């Protein structure tokens, strides 16, 4: 009794017919014939573009700098403009200038990639950090605060003084006496 599937039987029959109809032909060639054949025809070179076809001046004219490269250039320029000394990296002006450039870069990134939620979260954190730095700067020196805000075009509302409870609720009617 044959337990093979019809597909397997058909495959075996076809393979047997192929083997009977085309016997394997093996030819022997000498080593000299193989070596001489390689010497006669040089292999074609596998280059898409020849070495002389590329010109360095053509590549620099058409290529525009990438967005991240331009961002790093503007960042370095702003930081050198707003630093207070040659070794300054911690002044509020230096930090706010760097953050403002990063905020503008991330904003343009989010315009083209609206579903990038991790970048959006980072952008919100960066805006909040810049706001806190500006709040600190307005408490320390109002002239420096005004200079940096107007120069960078930042929309920032300086925090007002904290009102007391009486001042806060002075405009509302008093509670009725019991």
Protein backbone atom coordinates (compact mmCIF):
# COMPACT_ATOMS: atom_id res chain seq x y z
CA UNK A 1 0.00 0.00 0.00
CA UNK A 2 1.38 3.37 -1.04
CA UNK A 3 1.09 6.15 1.59
CA UNK A 4 2.61 8.95 -0.49
CA UNK A 5 0.54 11.90 -1.54
CA UNK A 6 -0.42 12.31 -5.20
CA UNK A 7 1.77 15.42 -5.37
CA UNK A 8 4.87 13.51 -4.23
CA UNK A 9 4.24 10.70 -6.74
CA UNK A 10 3.82 13.18 -9.59
CA UNK A 11 7.03 14.96 -8.58
CA UNK A 12 8.99 11.68 -8.56
CA UNK A 13 7.66 10.72 -12.01
CA UNK A 14 8.58 14.08 -13.51
CA UNK A 15 12.07 13.95 -11.96
CA UNK A 16 12.61 10.42 -13.32
CA UNK A 17 11.56 11.53 -16.85
CA UNK A 18 13.99 14.47 -16.72
CA UNK A 19 16.85 12.23 -15.67
CA UNK A 20 16.11 9.68 -18.45
CA UNK A 21 15.65 12.27 -21.19
CA UNK A 22 18.75 14.37 -20.52
CA UNK A 23 21.83 12.47 -19.41
CA UNK A 24 24.48 14.46 -17.66
CA UNK A 25 27.17 15.62 -20.03
CA UNK A 26 30.58 16.12 -18.49
CA UNK A 27 33.44 17.46 -20.55
CA UNK A 28 37.01 17.67 -19.48
CA UNK A 29 39.13 20.65 -20.44
CA UNK A 30 42.77 21.13 -19.79
CA UNK A 31 44.14 23.73 -17.39
CA UNK A 32 45.87 25.50 -20.29
CA UNK A 33 42.56 26.20 -22.02
CA UNK A 34 41.13 27.78 -18.88
CA UNK A 35 44.22 29.92 -18.22
CA UNK A 36 44.53 31.05 -21.87
CA UNK A 37 40.86 32.11 -21.94
CA UNK A 38 41.42 34.49 -19.03
CA UNK A 39 44.44 36.11 -20.69
CA UNK A 40 42.65 36.82 -23.96
CA UNK A 41 39.75 38.94 -22.67
CA UNK A 42 40.30 41.49 -19.88
CA UNK A 43 37.38 41.80 -17.53
CA UNK A 44 35.39 45.00 -17.94
CA UNK A 45 35.78 47.47 -15.08
CA UNK A 46 32.86 47.67 -12.72
CA UNK A 47 32.59 51.45 -12.42
CA UNK A 48 29.36 53.35 -12.82
CA UNK A 49 31.20 56.64 -13.29
CA UNK A 50 34.75 56.96 -14.52
CA UNK A 51 37.27 58.76 -12.32
CA UNK A 52 37.62 61.76 -14.66
CA UNK A 53 33.88 62.40 -14.97
CA UNK A 54 33.48 63.72 -11.43
CA UNK A 55 34.43 67.34 -10.89
CA UNK A 56 34.69 68.81 -7.38
CA UNK A 57 33.41 72.22 -8.51
CA UNK A 58 30.16 70.72 -9.84
CA UNK A 59 29.34 69.09 -6.52
CA UNK A 60 29.87 72.19 -4.37
CA UNK A 61 27.76 74.50 -6.55
CA UNK A 62 24.56 72.44 -6.49
CA UNK A 63 24.69 71.10 -2.94
CA UNK A 64 22.99 73.12 -0.22
CA UNK A 65 23.97 72.66 3.42
CA UNK A 66 21.67 70.38 5.36
CA UNK A 67 19.26 71.59 8.04
CA UNK A 68 21.20 70.16 11.00
CA UNK A 69 24.42 71.72 9.68
CA UNK A 70 22.80 75.15 9.33
CA UNK A 71 21.31 74.74 12.83
CA UNK A 72 24.74 74.05 14.33
CA UNK A 73 26.22 77.05 12.53
CA UNK A 74 23.48 79.41 13.77
CA UNK A 75 23.78 77.94 17.28
CA UNK A 76 27.52 78.58 17.41
CA UNK A 77 27.04 82.11 16.05
CA UNK A 78 24.35 83.01 18.59
CA UNK A 79 26.36 81.61 21.46
CA UNK A 80 29.45 83.60 20.52
CA UNK A 81 27.33 86.74 20.19
CA UNK A 82 25.67 86.48 23.60
CA UNK A 83 28.45 85.13 25.79
CA UNK A 84 29.78 87.53 28.40
CA UNK A 85 33.41 86.37 28.29
CA UNK A 86 35.60 84.04 26.25
CA UNK A 87 35.00 81.07 28.57
CA UNK A 88 31.33 81.80 29.35
CA UNK A 89 28.95 78.86 29.01
CA UNK A 90 26.64 79.40 31.95
CA UNK A 91 25.28 82.93 31.78
CA UNK A 92 21.52 83.20 31.25
CA UNK A 93 22.04 85.12 27.98
CA UNK A 94 24.26 82.35 26.57
CA UNK A 95 21.79 79.62 27.58
CA UNK A 96 18.71 81.50 26.38
CA UNK A 97 20.32 82.18 22.98
CA UNK A 98 21.16 78.51 22.53
CA UNK A 99 17.73 77.38 23.65
CA UNK A 100 16.00 79.84 21.33
CA UNK A 101 17.84 78.44 18.31
CA UNK A 102 17.06 74.86 19.37
CA UNK A 103 13.40 75.79 19.87
CA UNK A 104 13.17 77.25 16.37
CA UNK A 105 14.84 74.15 14.89
CA UNK A 106 12.54 71.75 16.75
CA UNK A 107 9.50 73.82 15.76
CA UNK A 108 10.40 73.53 12.08
CA UNK A 109 10.99 69.79 12.58
CA UNK A 110 7.56 69.37 14.15
CA UNK A 111 5.90 71.23 11.26
CA UNK A 112 7.16 68.55 8.88
CA UNK A 113 6.73 65.67 11.39
CA UNK A 114 3.52 66.39 13.34
CA UNK A 115 3.31 62.89 14.90
CA UNK A 116 6.75 63.05 16.54
CA UNK A 117 5.48 63.18 20.10
CA UNK A 118 8.80 62.64 21.84
CA UNK A 119 10.24 65.69 20.10
CA UNK A 120 7.13 67.67 21.05
CA UNK A 121 7.66 66.71 24.68
CA UNK A 122 11.30 67.78 24.50
CA UNK A 123 10.30 71.07 22.89
CA UNK A 124 7.82 71.85 25.66
CA UNK A 125 10.46 71.06 28.28
CA UNK A 126 12.94 73.34 26.50
CA UNK A 127 10.44 76.20 26.31
CA UNK A 128 9.69 75.84 30.03
CA UNK A 129 13.39 75.81 30.89
CA UNK A 130 13.95 78.97 28.83
CA UNK A 131 10.99 80.61 30.55
CA UNK A 132 12.46 79.84 33.97
CA UNK A 133 15.81 81.28 32.93
CA UNK A 134 14.12 84.45 31.67
CA UNK A 135 12.18 84.73 34.94
CA UNK A 136 15.48 84.51 36.80
CA UNK A 137 17.06 87.12 34.54
CA UNK A 138 14.22 89.59 35.00
CA UNK A 139 14.64 89.33 38.79
CA UNK A 140 18.42 89.84 38.55
CA UNK A 141 18.78 92.55 35.88
CA UNK A 142 15.87 94.03 33.95
CA UNK A 143 18.13 95.80 31.40
CA UNK A 144 19.84 92.52 30.38
CA UNK A 145 16.43 90.83 30.24
CA UNK A 146 14.99 93.51 27.95
CA UNK A 147 18.08 93.40 25.72
CA UNK A 148 18.00 89.64 25.17
CA UNK A 149 14.22 89.42 24.71
CA UNK A 150 14.16 92.22 22.12
CA UNK A 151 17.27 90.96 20.29
CA UNK A 152 16.06 87.36 19.97
CA UNK A 153 12.40 88.22 19.41
CA UNK A 154 11.14 86.12 22.31
CA UNK A 155 7.55 86.45 23.49
CA UNK A 156 7.82 86.31 27.24
CA UNK A 157 5.67 87.86 29.90
CA UNK A 158 7.71 88.79 32.92
CA UNK A 159 6.18 87.46 36.11
CA UNK A 160 4.46 90.02 38.29
CA UNK A 161 4.73 90.22 42.01
CA UNK A 162 2.60 87.82 44.01
CA UNK A 163 -0.54 89.46 45.32
CA UNK A 164 -1.73 88.96 48.87
CA UNK A 165 -5.08 87.36 49.52
CA UNK A 166 -6.73 90.70 50.25
CA UNK A 167 -5.38 92.24 47.03
CA UNK A 168 -6.39 89.25 44.94
CA UNK A 169 -10.01 89.21 46.14
CA UNK A 170 -10.48 92.95 46.59
CA UNK A 171 -12.54 93.30 43.40
CA UNK A 172 -15.06 90.65 44.41
CA UNK A 173 -18.03 91.40 46.70
CA UNK A 174 -17.55 90.58 50.35
CA UNK A 175 -19.17 87.54 51.87
CA UNK A 176 -22.47 88.24 53.56
CA UNK A 177 -22.29 88.38 57.30
CA UNK A 178 -24.14 85.69 59.22
